[in-house]
Every structure is written in C-alpha cells, then in structure tokens.
Amino acid sequence: MTQAGAAPRSEPTTAAGEFIPWTPERVRWTAGLMLALLIAAMDSTIVSTALPTIGGELGNFSLYPWVFSGYLLTATTTVPLWGRLADLYGRKRVLMVGMAIFVGASVLCGSAHSMLALVVFRGLQGVGAGCLQPVTLTVVGDMFPMAQRARIQGLFSGMWAVASVIGPIMGAVFVSSIGWRWIFDVNVPAGLASAALLWSFHDRPTARRAAVDYPGALLLTAGVAMLLFGFGSGSAGQQPQWPLIAGAVVVLALFIVVEQRSESPTVPLRFLRDPVIGPAILVAIVAGTLLFGLTSYIPLYVQGGLGGTPYEAGAALAPLLFGWSIVGVIAGRYMIRVGYQRLALAGTVMMLCGSAMLFLHPPIDPVVWVGVCTLVIGAGMGTLNTPLLIMIQSVVGWEDRGAVTALNQFSRTIGGAVGVALMGILLESRIHAGALAHGLDPQTYSDPLRFTVHATAQSAASRALVTDGVQALEGVFVGLSAVALVIAIRIVLNRANRRSNYVLK
C-alpha cells in the first residue's frame, strides 16, 4: 500500500529473477543505447585536450571558459524536461529528437569560425546531451527485468570510464593530425550509427496525454542557469555572484509553487516524499558533491601541494572513475543476492574510508597514495549508485520512470556544481589566512586555481599553503561521506525499504 503523498508504484511486469532472452534485435538495441551514452559522456572529455588549440585559432579568450561551462549549463538544466517528455511521448521518439539535436549541433560546432559561435553551438549540443543520458538509462530500465537490469546498468556505467580514457586520447590525436574540428565531427557517424541501431526499437505506447508544463520548465531552466552561473558553473576558483544566487533562489521557489499546482509537473516533487526514492536522491546529491569536489581539487592538490606534473595529477584521479565503473558492474551482479540496502551501506563505508585515508600521512609515494584513496572512493560510489538507480526505477510505473531517472542525474549534477563553488570559497579563505599568518602577500594567492598552475615552480612554503587549504577540503570530503553513511543506515533501517525487497526476490 502506497503512503499518502508518495510516488505511485508498480511491480515489474516480469519477476525479478526472470531473464529475457538475448535476441539479435535486443543486442542491437543495447549496442545502440551504449553508443548513445558513450558519445554523450565522451563529449566533455574529448574537448578538454583541444581547448588551447581552439582558443589559439578562434581568439576571444574572454569566452574561452564558456566552451565547457555553456555545455554544462544546458546539459544540466534540460535533463528534467527531457525525462518528463520521455514519459509523456515515449522513449524512442524523444531519444531520436535529442540525438538529432546533438548530432546537428556537433556539425555546427565543427564548422564554427568564431569563439562566440562555438559557445552558442556548444550550448545547443548540451541540450541534446541532456536528453541522451537520462533517456538512455530509462530505456534500459524498460527493456530488462530486475535481475538482468542489475547487470546491464553496471555495464552502462562503464561507458564513463571508457570515455575518460579514449576521449582525451582521441582529442589529442585529432588536434595533432586532421584538426580540432573532428572532435565534434566524429559525433556524426557515431550518432547516426546509434540511431540506426535503435530505429527498430518497439516503444511502449503511452496512454497518458498531458500538456507539457512549460511554465515550470522555463522557471526551472532559468533558476538552475542563474544558480550555476552564480556559483561559477561548478568550476574551481570562480567567485560566487551572490545577487544572482539570491535571484535563483526566488525563481526556484516560484518553480516549486508552480509544480505543486501543475497536473503534469516537469519534476514531480512527490518523489521526494517517497520513503525509497527520497533517501536515494539525497545520496545522489551528496555523492555528486563529493565527486565534483574530488575531480576539481585533487589535481590542484597534486600539482600545487605535492609539486606533481599534470600527468601525475590525472593519474591520481583516474582510479576514481575506474573504481566506480568496475565495481559498478560487480555490484549490479550481486545486487539480487544481497539487496540494494546492504550495497548502499557498503558503498558509503568505502567512501568514508577513502576520504579518511586522504587525512593520513602517506605510507608510500604521496601521489600514489592519493590514487589509492580515489580508487577506494570510486569503488564506494560504484557500489552505491548503480543499485540505487535500479531501485528507484523499479518502484515507479512506466509513466514516471523517465522523470525519476532524470531527477537522480539532475540532483547529482546540481549538488556537485554548488558544492564545488562553496569548497572554492573555503579553499581561498584558508590559503588567504595562511598567507597572512606567514607574512606573505595575500594577493599572490587570491586565485588558488591560477596560482597552482605554476605551483611546481613556487617555494616549499607556497606549496604548504596549498596543502593546508586542500586539507580543509579533505575534511569536507569526510563530512560528506559521513552524511551519506547516515542516509544509508536510514535506508537499511527504514521499513519501507525492507518491504521493497519484493522486487529483489
């Protein structure tokens, strides 16, 4: 029996232990979905190595940061809308529209002859990417019963590790050979291949015909865009724009009012009151904040605090994604046996252990030790996130699965973007205070990110300031992991979560 105000639930149409046979058609659809997710995941990593070359050719360096930030803004703000559209009009139709936008924008990016044009086209490309990621995972939730989905979703999470490896390599190869424009043009054959593989997909006809909540969608887009821009788009070292943040809070408050009155809300807020979905979304926010914090500040610590090279900084962070992807596959396979609650608890324990290890004096080479710590944290995230995604998809009906999948991804990104900016404020204040205490000029350290780019050439005292500042952030990482552990304990103890085991048996 559903609690009052909770999201409606529907049992899977197949038993949790049932397996759907792998027909050639189903293999083709799965390959198309994996390819769609791969190109969306790879598009942010493949651009990073080419940005200096792009900036040198197109000029107008004042717009340089927006090649990435504009993409992040639109890819984040449009996720809930795409998820709701997939529920209202069917997965295949919406996915094909999103793919068309992504591929078309990629062509425009490859033909851009000014930095302004590239920023605009990258924003349009982000709109398409905002569709590919949540709708792809929603289709996986539709195609497979619980037992198979627990394994398949782990494989899909591995696409992020693949993208993190081949993206920068492909970007470097294109820049040094046939030109940077191919980092965008490569999406055209890949996108067309994905669409061809999915063309025969038999989408379930939707019985619900409700109007799109355009006022809510516009308010959400405006509010989140203002929030991300106010917090520096989740970039390390950016100064918050507090008036813009205050305006975002007002707009988002108005969005909540509109959603509560809407018959077909863009983000059904009732999900947050559900005893299964609500805690899972909270964990997604905390994990996203931890993930963004690590990816933003661990490279800064390795270069600015330990005096390492950019290569060493990347090598210290890479185990995070590998641990996440590999353990995510394993967690999916064991979810049916042990239950998602135990995996959530084990994952948060690993996150806490890995974060606490960063505090310890390294018993081995410091850069290697940081890599070990990120590996443990990544393994915890892989243990945690895949089972929770599968669970929240399983406790809602088909007509809400797109929205709840999008909400999970959206929460992780928003939590991370806001959290990174707040960590940047803490880092800057800590370094500033340390400089004053040591009689150094605080203005030299006013921008920690800019300073640490050249930190290997700075004095040992300067590197000590960066190390001290990052140690404050390591305390935040431990605190975030502890909060996630408390939520996981509540998930284990919550009777509603124990009752939800019916889908696992």
Protein backbone atom coordinates (compact mmCIF):
# COMPACT_ATOMS: atom_id res chain seq x y z
CA MET A 1 0.00 0.00 0.00
CA THR A 2 1.38 3.39 -1.05
CA GLN A 3 1.74 6.01 1.61
CA ALA A 4 -0.16 9.24 1.22
CA GLY A 5 1.70 11.71 -0.94
CA ALA A 6 4.23 9.12 -2.07
CA ALA A 7 5.00 8.31 -5.67
CA PRO A 8 2.77 5.58 -7.13
CA ARG A 9 4.45 2.25 -7.50
CA SER A 10 4.04 -0.61 -9.89
CA GLU A 11 5.54 -4.04 -9.69
CA PRO A 12 7.71 -5.12 -12.61
CA THR A 13 5.86 -6.96 -15.33
CA THR A 14 8.37 -9.77 -15.03
CA ALA A 15 9.72 -11.47 -11.96
CA ALA A 16 12.98 -10.18 -10.61
CA GLY A 17 14.77 -13.44 -11.30
CA GLU A 18 13.40 -13.80 -14.84
CA PHE A 19 15.72 -13.27 -17.81
CA ILE A 20 14.62 -12.06 -21.23
CA PRO A 21 16.45 -13.98 -23.99
CA TRP A 22 19.14 -12.13 -25.94
CA THR A 23 17.72 -11.95 -29.44
CA PRO A 24 19.69 -10.24 -32.27
CA GLU A 25 17.22 -7.37 -32.08
CA ARG A 26 17.76 -6.85 -28.35
CA VAL A 27 21.53 -7.00 -28.79
CA ARG A 28 21.23 -4.33 -31.50
CA TRP A 29 19.15 -2.06 -29.28
CA THR A 30 21.53 -2.43 -26.34
CA ALA A 31 24.52 -1.60 -28.56
CA GLY A 32 22.72 1.49 -29.82
CA LEU A 33 21.98 2.66 -26.28
CA MET A 34 25.57 2.10 -25.14
CA LEU A 35 26.87 4.05 -28.14
CA ALA A 36 24.47 6.92 -27.41
CA LEU A 37 25.62 7.12 -23.81
CA LEU A 38 29.28 6.86 -24.84
CA ILE A 39 29.21 9.83 -27.23
CA ALA A 40 27.40 11.95 -24.65
CA ALA A 41 29.92 11.02 -21.94
CA MET A 42 32.91 11.43 -24.23
CA ASP A 43 31.96 14.88 -25.47
CA SER A 44 33.17 16.64 -22.34
CA THR A 45 36.46 14.71 -22.09
CA ILE A 46 37.40 14.89 -25.76
CA VAL A 47 37.12 18.68 -25.80
CA SER A 48 39.43 19.29 -22.83
CA THR A 49 42.68 18.49 -24.67
CA ALA A 50 41.72 20.60 -27.69
CA LEU A 51 40.64 23.80 -25.92
CA PRO A 52 44.06 25.51 -26.00
CA THR A 53 44.30 24.92 -29.76
CA ILE A 54 40.73 26.08 -30.31
CA GLY A 55 41.34 29.24 -28.29
CA GLY A 56 44.53 29.98 -30.22
CA GLU A 57 42.73 29.72 -33.56
CA LEU A 58 39.42 31.40 -32.78
CA GLY A 59 40.68 34.02 -30.31
CA ASN A 60 38.35 35.97 -27.96
CA PHE A 61 39.74 34.34 -24.82
CA SER A 62 37.13 36.06 -22.63
CA LEU A 63 34.64 33.47 -23.91
CA TYR A 64 37.10 30.58 -23.58
CA PRO A 65 35.65 29.13 -20.31
CA TRP A 66 32.14 29.05 -21.76
CA VAL A 67 33.04 26.39 -24.32
CA PHE A 68 32.73 23.97 -21.40
CA SER A 69 30.52 25.91 -18.99
CA GLY A 70 27.83 26.63 -21.60
CA TYR A 71 27.64 22.93 -22.38
CA LEU A 72 27.37 22.09 -18.68
CA LEU A 73 24.58 24.62 -18.15
CA THR A 74 22.29 23.37 -20.90
CA ALA A 75 23.14 19.70 -20.34
CA THR A 76 22.07 20.13 -16.71
CA THR A 77 19.03 22.40 -16.97
CA THR A 78 17.30 20.35 -19.68
CA VAL A 79 17.61 16.92 -18.01
CA PRO A 80 14.31 17.04 -16.04
CA LEU A 81 12.38 18.29 -19.08
CA TRP A 82 13.69 15.50 -21.31
CA GLY A 83 12.84 12.93 -18.66
CA ARG A 84 9.25 14.15 -18.44
CA LEU A 85 8.90 14.32 -22.25
CA ALA A 86 10.03 10.69 -22.45
CA ASP A 87 7.23 9.75 -20.05
CA LEU A 88 4.61 11.72 -21.98
CA TYR A 89 5.53 10.95 -25.59
CA GLY A 90 7.55 7.73 -25.49
CA ARG A 91 11.25 6.99 -25.14
CA LYS A 92 12.16 6.33 -28.78
CA ARG A 93 10.60 9.49 -30.17
CA VAL A 94 12.22 11.72 -27.58
CA LEU A 95 15.58 9.96 -27.81
CA MET A 96 15.65 10.40 -31.58
CA VAL A 97 14.88 14.11 -31.23
CA GLY A 98 17.65 14.52 -28.67
CA MET A 99 20.07 12.61 -30.90
CA ALA A 100 19.17 14.82 -33.87
CA ILE A 101 19.84 17.96 -31.81
CA PHE A 102 23.14 16.56 -30.54
CA VAL A 103 24.39 15.49 -33.97
CA GLY A 104 23.18 18.69 -35.68
CA ALA A 105 24.86 20.85 -33.04
CA SER A 106 28.06 18.81 -33.42
CA VAL A 107 28.12 19.69 -37.13
CA LEU A 108 27.65 23.35 -36.26
CA CYS A 109 30.45 23.19 -33.66
CA GLY A 110 32.79 21.68 -36.24
CA SER A 111 32.03 24.50 -38.67
CA ALA A 112 32.27 27.37 -36.13
CA HIS A 113 34.57 30.23 -37.20
CA SER A 114 34.36 32.36 -34.06
CA MET A 115 34.51 31.70 -30.35
CA LEU A 116 31.03 33.18 -29.87
CA ALA A 117 29.55 30.83 -32.46
CA LEU A 118 31.28 27.85 -30.86
CA VAL A 119 29.93 28.76 -27.41
CA VAL A 120 26.37 29.05 -28.78
CA PHE A 121 26.61 25.76 -30.66
CA ARG A 122 28.11 24.02 -27.64
CA GLY A 123 25.12 25.20 -25.62
CA LEU A 124 22.82 23.65 -28.23
CA GLN A 125 24.88 20.48 -28.12
CA GLY A 126 24.36 20.38 -24.35
CA VAL A 127 20.59 20.43 -24.92
CA GLY A 128 20.91 17.20 -26.90
CA ALA A 129 23.27 15.66 -24.34
CA GLY A 130 20.72 16.45 -21.62
CA CYS A 131 18.40 14.05 -23.43
CA LEU A 132 20.81 11.23 -24.27
CA GLN A 133 21.99 10.45 -20.77
CA PRO A 134 18.74 10.11 -18.76
CA VAL A 135 16.55 8.74 -21.57
CA THR A 136 19.12 6.08 -22.45
CA LEU A 137 19.16 4.81 -18.86
CA THR A 138 15.37 4.97 -18.78
CA VAL A 139 15.12 2.72 -21.85
CA VAL A 140 17.44 0.22 -20.15
CA GLY A 141 15.03 0.23 -17.21
CA ASP A 142 12.18 -0.53 -19.62
CA MET A 143 13.91 -3.27 -21.58
CA PHE A 144 15.10 -5.59 -18.83
CA PRO A 145 13.64 -7.14 -15.67
CA MET A 146 15.38 -6.59 -12.36
CA ALA A 147 17.94 -9.40 -12.48
CA GLN A 148 19.20 -8.50 -15.96
CA ARG A 149 18.99 -4.78 -15.40
CA ALA A 150 21.18 -5.03 -12.30
CA ARG A 151 23.97 -6.37 -14.51
CA ILE A 152 23.32 -4.28 -17.62
CA GLN A 153 23.24 -0.94 -15.77
CA GLY A 154 26.70 -1.71 -14.41
CA LEU A 155 27.99 -2.11 -17.97
CA PHE A 156 26.43 1.21 -18.92
CA SER A 157 28.18 2.92 -16.03
CA GLY A 158 31.43 1.60 -17.51
CA MET A 159 30.90 3.86 -20.52
CA TRP A 160 32.08 6.76 -18.36
CA ALA A 161 35.40 5.03 -17.72
CA VAL A 162 35.79 4.29 -21.42
CA ALA A 163 35.04 7.93 -22.23
CA SER A 164 37.53 9.17 -19.64
CA VAL A 165 40.28 7.14 -21.34
CA ILE A 166 39.62 7.39 -25.07
CA GLY A 167 38.20 10.95 -25.02
CA PRO A 168 41.44 12.82 -24.22
CA ILE A 169 43.43 10.45 -26.45
CA MET A 170 41.13 11.00 -29.44
CA GLY A 171 41.16 14.74 -28.81
CA ALA A 172 44.96 14.82 -28.81
CA VAL A 173 45.14 12.67 -31.97
CA PHE A 174 42.67 14.86 -33.87
CA VAL A 175 44.36 18.10 -32.82
CA SER A 176 47.80 16.87 -33.86
CA SER A 177 46.67 15.33 -37.17
CA ILE A 178 43.46 16.15 -39.04
CA GLY A 179 42.41 19.15 -36.94
CA TRP A 180 40.37 20.02 -33.84
CA ARG A 181 37.07 20.25 -35.74
CA TRP A 182 36.96 16.46 -35.89
CA ILE A 183 36.44 16.25 -32.14
CA PHE A 184 32.89 17.40 -32.95
CA ASP A 185 32.51 15.85 -36.41
CA VAL A 186 33.21 12.36 -35.03
CA ASN A 187 29.82 12.55 -33.29
CA VAL A 188 28.03 12.49 -36.65
CA PRO A 189 28.83 8.90 -37.74
CA ALA A 190 28.58 7.68 -34.15
CA GLY A 191 25.20 9.35 -33.64
CA LEU A 192 23.84 8.07 -36.95
CA ALA A 193 25.02 4.55 -36.12
CA SER A 194 23.29 4.70 -32.73
CA ALA A 195 20.05 5.94 -34.31
CA ALA A 196 20.17 3.17 -36.92
CA LEU A 197 20.65 0.51 -34.26
CA LEU A 198 17.70 1.85 -32.27
CA TRP A 199 15.38 2.51 -35.20
CA SER A 200 13.53 -0.79 -34.85
CA PHE A 201 13.06 -0.37 -31.09
CA HIS A 202 9.44 -1.12 -30.15
CA ASP A 203 8.49 1.65 -27.76
CA ARG A 204 5.60 1.17 -25.40
CA PRO A 205 2.70 3.41 -26.41
CA THR A 206 1.90 5.98 -23.78
CA ALA A 207 -1.68 6.10 -22.58
CA ARG A 208 -1.31 9.47 -20.87
CA ARG A 209 -1.72 12.64 -22.90
CA ALA A 210 -0.94 15.59 -20.68
CA ALA A 211 0.29 19.02 -21.64
CA VAL A 212 3.94 19.81 -21.09
CA ASP A 213 4.49 22.01 -18.08
CA TYR A 214 6.15 24.83 -20.00
CA PRO A 215 5.97 27.44 -17.18
CA GLY A 216 7.60 25.01 -14.77
CA ALA A 217 10.24 24.03 -17.35
CA LEU A 218 11.10 27.67 -18.05
CA LEU A 219 11.32 28.54 -14.37
CA LEU A 220 13.50 25.51 -13.64
CA THR A 221 15.80 26.29 -16.57
CA ALA A 222 16.11 29.94 -15.56
CA GLY A 223 16.59 29.18 -11.87
CA VAL A 224 19.21 26.48 -12.38
CA ALA A 225 21.06 28.55 -15.00
CA MET A 226 21.19 31.50 -12.60
CA LEU A 227 22.31 29.22 -9.78
CA LEU A 228 25.08 27.56 -11.79
CA PHE A 229 26.25 30.85 -13.26
CA GLY A 230 26.14 32.47 -9.83
CA PHE A 231 28.27 29.67 -8.39
CA GLY A 232 30.69 29.77 -11.32
CA SER A 233 29.19 26.80 -13.22
CA GLY A 234 30.72 24.42 -10.74
CA SER A 235 34.26 25.45 -11.65
CA ALA A 236 37.05 25.61 -9.11
CA GLY A 237 38.33 29.08 -8.31
CA GLN A 238 35.29 31.04 -9.53
CA GLN A 239 33.92 33.84 -7.38
CA PRO A 240 30.22 33.46 -6.40
CA GLN A 241 27.83 36.17 -7.61
CA TRP A 242 25.57 36.45 -4.57
CA PRO A 243 22.85 38.70 -6.10
CA LEU A 244 22.45 36.21 -8.91
CA ILE A 245 22.29 33.34 -6.42
CA ALA A 246 19.60 35.17 -4.44
CA GLY A 247 17.61 35.67 -7.64
CA ALA A 248 17.96 31.96 -8.42
CA VAL A 249 16.54 31.06 -5.02
CA VAL A 250 13.49 33.24 -5.69
CA VAL A 251 12.95 31.75 -9.15
CA LEU A 252 13.31 28.18 -7.88
CA ALA A 253 10.89 28.89 -5.02
CA LEU A 254 8.38 30.07 -7.62
CA PHE A 255 9.10 26.91 -9.61
CA ILE A 256 8.15 24.77 -6.60
CA VAL A 257 4.84 26.65 -6.26
CA VAL A 258 4.07 26.12 -9.96
CA GLU A 259 4.99 22.42 -9.82
CA GLN A 260 2.73 21.78 -6.86
CA ARG A 261 -0.21 23.17 -8.82
CA SER A 262 0.59 21.51 -12.13
CA GLU A 263 -1.25 18.40 -13.33
CA SER A 264 1.83 17.23 -15.24
CA PRO A 265 4.85 18.72 -13.45
CA THR A 266 8.29 18.74 -15.04
CA VAL A 267 9.70 17.42 -11.75
CA PRO A 268 7.06 15.51 -9.77
CA LEU A 269 8.01 16.66 -6.27
CA ARG A 270 6.03 13.81 -4.72
CA PHE A 271 9.02 11.61 -5.50
CA LEU A 272 11.00 13.38 -2.80
CA ARG A 273 8.46 12.29 -0.17
CA ASP A 274 8.69 8.64 -1.15
CA PRO A 275 10.49 6.60 1.56
CA VAL A 276 12.54 4.74 -1.07
CA ILE A 277 13.19 7.46 -3.68
CA GLY A 278 13.73 10.39 -1.31
CA PRO A 279 16.80 8.96 0.51
CA ALA A 280 18.25 7.75 -2.81
CA ILE A 281 18.03 11.28 -4.23
CA LEU A 282 19.69 12.68 -1.10
CA VAL A 283 22.55 10.23 -1.54
CA ALA A 284 22.83 11.29 -5.20
CA ILE A 285 23.22 14.93 -4.14
CA VAL A 286 25.89 14.12 -1.55
CA ALA A 287 27.76 11.74 -3.87
CA GLY A 288 27.66 14.31 -6.68
CA THR A 289 29.13 16.96 -4.41
CA LEU A 290 31.92 14.59 -3.37
CA LEU A 291 32.57 13.54 -6.97
CA PHE A 292 32.77 17.10 -8.32
CA GLY A 293 34.91 18.15 -5.37
CA LEU A 294 37.42 15.38 -5.97
CA THR A 295 37.65 15.95 -9.72
CA SER A 296 38.11 19.71 -9.20
CA TYR A 297 40.55 19.81 -6.31
CA ILE A 298 42.58 16.59 -6.31
CA PRO A 299 44.52 17.66 -9.46
CA LEU A 300 45.01 21.06 -7.83
CA TYR A 301 46.40 19.35 -4.70
CA VAL A 302 48.75 17.08 -6.63
CA GLN A 303 50.20 19.93 -8.71
CA GLY A 304 50.02 22.81 -6.24
CA GLY A 305 50.61 20.98 -2.97
CA LEU A 306 52.75 18.00 -3.92
CA GLY A 307 54.54 19.66 -6.84
CA GLY A 308 53.48 16.94 -9.25
CA THR A 309 53.11 17.19 -13.01
CA PRO A 310 49.79 17.46 -14.87
CA TYR A 311 50.26 13.83 -15.88
CA GLU A 312 50.63 12.78 -12.24
CA ALA A 313 47.53 14.82 -11.36
CA GLY A 314 45.50 12.96 -13.96
CA ALA A 315 46.95 9.61 -12.93
CA ALA A 316 45.99 10.26 -9.30
CA LEU A 317 42.38 10.98 -10.26
CA ALA A 318 41.87 8.28 -12.90
CA PRO A 319 41.35 5.45 -10.34
CA LEU A 320 38.19 7.23 -9.18
CA LEU A 321 36.40 6.57 -12.47
CA PHE A 322 37.89 3.11 -12.93
CA GLY A 323 36.90 2.07 -9.42
CA TRP A 324 33.39 3.40 -9.97
CA SER A 325 32.91 1.62 -13.31
CA ILE A 326 34.46 -1.74 -12.48
CA VAL A 327 32.86 -2.11 -9.07
CA GLY A 328 29.55 -0.83 -10.51
CA VAL A 329 29.45 -3.87 -12.78
CA ILE A 330 30.22 -6.19 -9.87
CA ALA A 331 27.63 -4.51 -7.63
CA GLY A 332 24.99 -5.00 -10.29
CA ARG A 333 25.69 -8.71 -10.40
CA TYR A 334 25.43 -9.14 -6.62
CA MET A 335 22.51 -6.78 -6.03
CA ILE A 336 19.92 -9.51 -6.40
CA ARG A 337 21.67 -11.71 -3.84
CA VAL A 338 22.45 -9.21 -1.09
CA GLY A 339 19.90 -6.43 -1.63
CA TYR A 340 20.49 -2.84 -2.61
CA GLN A 341 20.33 -1.66 1.02
CA ARG A 342 23.47 -3.57 2.01
CA LEU A 343 25.27 -2.35 -1.10
CA ALA A 344 24.31 1.24 -0.27
CA LEU A 345 25.72 0.78 3.22
CA ALA A 346 28.92 -0.87 1.96
CA GLY A 347 29.40 1.85 -0.65
CA THR A 348 29.13 4.70 1.82
CA VAL A 349 31.53 2.92 4.20
CA MET A 350 34.10 2.71 1.40
CA MET A 351 33.57 6.37 0.54
CA LEU A 352 34.17 7.31 4.17
CA CYS A 353 37.28 5.12 4.42
CA GLY A 354 38.77 6.54 1.22
CA SER A 355 38.07 10.12 2.30
CA ALA A 356 39.59 9.49 5.74
CA MET A 357 42.68 7.96 4.14
CA LEU A 358 43.42 11.31 2.48
CA PHE A 359 43.97 12.69 6.00
CA LEU A 360 46.62 10.13 6.87
CA HIS A 361 50.34 10.61 6.39
CA PRO A 362 51.08 8.75 3.13
CA PRO A 363 52.90 5.48 3.87
CA ILE A 364 54.03 5.38 0.23
CA ASP A 365 54.67 7.94 -2.50
CA PRO A 366 52.12 10.75 -1.90
CA VAL A 367 50.82 10.82 -5.48
CA VAL A 368 50.37 7.04 -5.49
CA TRP A 369 48.63 7.26 -2.12
CA VAL A 370 46.17 9.83 -3.47
CA GLY A 371 45.43 7.42 -6.33
CA VAL A 372 44.77 4.62 -3.84
CA CYS A 373 42.38 6.89 -1.91
CA THR A 374 40.45 7.90 -5.04
CA LEU A 375 40.25 4.25 -6.06
CA VAL A 376 38.59 3.35 -2.75
CA ILE A 377 36.17 6.28 -3.01
CA GLY A 378 35.34 5.40 -6.62
CA ALA A 379 34.70 1.79 -5.65
CA GLY A 380 32.30 3.04 -2.99
CA MET A 381 30.44 5.18 -5.50
CA GLY A 382 30.18 2.26 -7.90
CA THR A 383 28.82 0.05 -5.13
CA LEU A 384 26.26 2.68 -4.21
CA ASN A 385 24.97 4.43 -7.30
CA THR A 386 24.05 1.63 -9.69
CA PRO A 387 21.86 -0.28 -7.18
CA LEU A 388 20.08 2.92 -6.07
CA LEU A 389 19.31 3.90 -9.68
CA ILE A 390 17.91 0.45 -10.38
CA MET A 391 15.81 0.58 -7.22
CA ILE A 392 14.19 3.95 -7.87
CA GLN A 393 13.39 2.87 -11.43
CA SER A 394 11.69 -0.26 -10.10
CA VAL A 395 9.34 1.34 -7.56
CA VAL A 396 7.59 3.65 -10.05
CA GLY A 397 5.43 2.91 -13.04
CA TRP A 398 6.49 3.20 -16.68
CA GLU A 399 4.84 6.61 -16.91
CA ASP A 400 7.18 8.08 -14.25
CA ARG A 401 10.39 6.19 -14.89
CA GLY A 402 11.86 8.83 -17.19
CA ALA A 403 11.21 11.62 -14.71
CA VAL A 404 12.70 9.78 -11.73
CA THR A 405 15.79 8.71 -13.71
CA ALA A 406 16.33 12.30 -14.81
CA LEU A 407 15.80 13.55 -11.25
CA ASN A 408 18.54 11.23 -10.00
CA GLN A 409 21.06 12.52 -12.54
CA PHE A 410 19.97 16.13 -12.16
CA SER A 411 20.38 16.01 -8.37
CA ARG A 412 23.92 14.69 -8.64
CA THR A 413 24.98 17.46 -11.04
CA ILE A 414 23.36 20.31 -9.13
CA GLY A 415 24.79 19.13 -5.82
CA GLY A 416 28.23 18.91 -7.37
CA ALA A 417 28.16 22.30 -9.10
CA VAL A 418 27.04 24.17 -5.99
CA GLY A 419 29.31 22.20 -3.69
CA VAL A 420 32.44 22.85 -5.75
CA ALA A 421 31.85 26.61 -5.65
CA LEU A 422 31.38 26.57 -1.87
CA MET A 423 34.54 24.48 -1.50
CA GLY A 424 36.36 27.07 -3.60
CA ILE A 425 35.35 29.79 -1.13
CA LEU A 426 36.67 27.69 1.76
CA LEU A 427 39.92 26.94 -0.06
CA GLU A 428 40.58 30.56 -0.93
CA SER A 429 39.86 31.79 2.60
CA ARG A 430 42.13 29.12 4.09
CA ILE A 431 45.03 29.99 1.78
CA HIS A 432 44.46 33.71 2.31
CA ALA A 433 44.58 33.30 6.10
CA GLY A 434 47.69 31.13 5.85
CA ALA A 435 49.46 33.73 3.73
CA LEU A 436 48.72 36.44 6.29
CA ALA A 437 49.95 34.22 9.12
CA HIS A 438 53.27 33.66 7.34
CA GLY A 439 53.75 37.29 6.39
CA LEU A 440 53.16 36.70 2.66
CA ASP A 441 51.23 38.88 0.24
CA PRO A 442 47.63 37.53 0.20
CA GLN A 443 47.03 38.95 -3.29
CA THR A 444 49.51 36.44 -4.67
CA TYR A 445 47.14 33.68 -3.59
CA SER A 446 43.83 35.42 -4.37
CA ASP A 447 43.08 32.88 -7.11
CA PRO A 448 44.15 29.42 -5.91
CA LEU A 449 43.43 27.80 -9.26
CA ARG A 450 45.57 30.25 -11.23
CA PHE A 451 48.31 30.13 -8.63
CA THR A 452 48.60 26.36 -8.53
CA VAL A 453 49.00 26.08 -12.30
CA HIS A 454 52.56 27.29 -11.69
CA ALA A 455 52.89 25.84 -8.19
CA THR A 456 55.69 23.44 -9.11
CA ALA A 457 57.92 26.49 -9.51
CA GLN A 458 56.89 28.01 -6.19
CA SER A 459 58.63 27.69 -2.87
CA ALA A 460 58.03 24.94 -0.36
CA ALA A 461 56.18 27.48 1.80
CA SER A 462 53.81 28.24 -1.06
CA ARG A 463 53.08 24.57 -1.64
CA ALA A 464 52.46 24.19 2.09
CA LEU A 465 49.74 26.86 1.87
CA VAL A 466 48.00 24.94 -0.90
CA THR A 467 48.33 21.68 1.03
CA ASP A 468 46.83 23.28 4.13
CA GLY A 469 43.93 24.68 2.10
CA VAL A 470 43.18 21.36 0.44
CA GLN A 471 43.32 19.58 3.81
CA ALA A 472 40.35 21.72 4.83
CA LEU A 473 38.53 20.35 1.80
CA GLU A 474 39.52 16.83 2.78
CA GLY A 475 37.62 17.44 6.00
CA VAL A 476 34.61 18.38 3.87
CA PHE A 477 35.03 15.14 1.90
CA VAL A 478 34.96 13.16 5.14
CA GLY A 479 31.90 15.08 6.31
CA LEU A 480 30.05 14.43 3.04
CA SER A 481 30.89 10.71 3.23
CA ALA A 482 29.67 10.59 6.82
CA VAL A 483 26.37 12.20 5.80
CA ALA A 484 26.00 9.62 3.01
CA LEU A 485 26.65 6.84 5.55
CA VAL A 486 23.93 8.17 7.87
CA ILE A 487 21.46 8.22 4.97
CA ALA A 488 22.48 4.67 4.01
CA ILE A 489 21.88 3.49 7.58
CA ARG A 490 18.41 5.02 7.42
CA ILE A 491 17.83 3.20 4.13
CA VAL A 492 18.73 -0.11 5.80
CA LEU A 493 16.56 0.55 8.86
CA ASN A 494 13.59 2.01 7.00
CA ARG A 495 10.72 -0.47 6.88
CA ALA A 496 9.56 0.81 3.52
CA ASN A 497 12.95 -0.05 2.04
CA ARG A 498 12.85 -3.51 3.60
CA ARG A 499 9.39 -4.07 2.16
CA SER A 500 10.68 -3.02 -1.26
CA ASN A 501 12.74 -6.21 -1.29
CA TYR A 502 9.79 -7.85 -3.02
CA VAL A 503 11.33 -6.81 -6.33
CA LEU A 504 14.60 -8.47 -5.47
CA LYS A 505 13.34 -11.94 -4.74
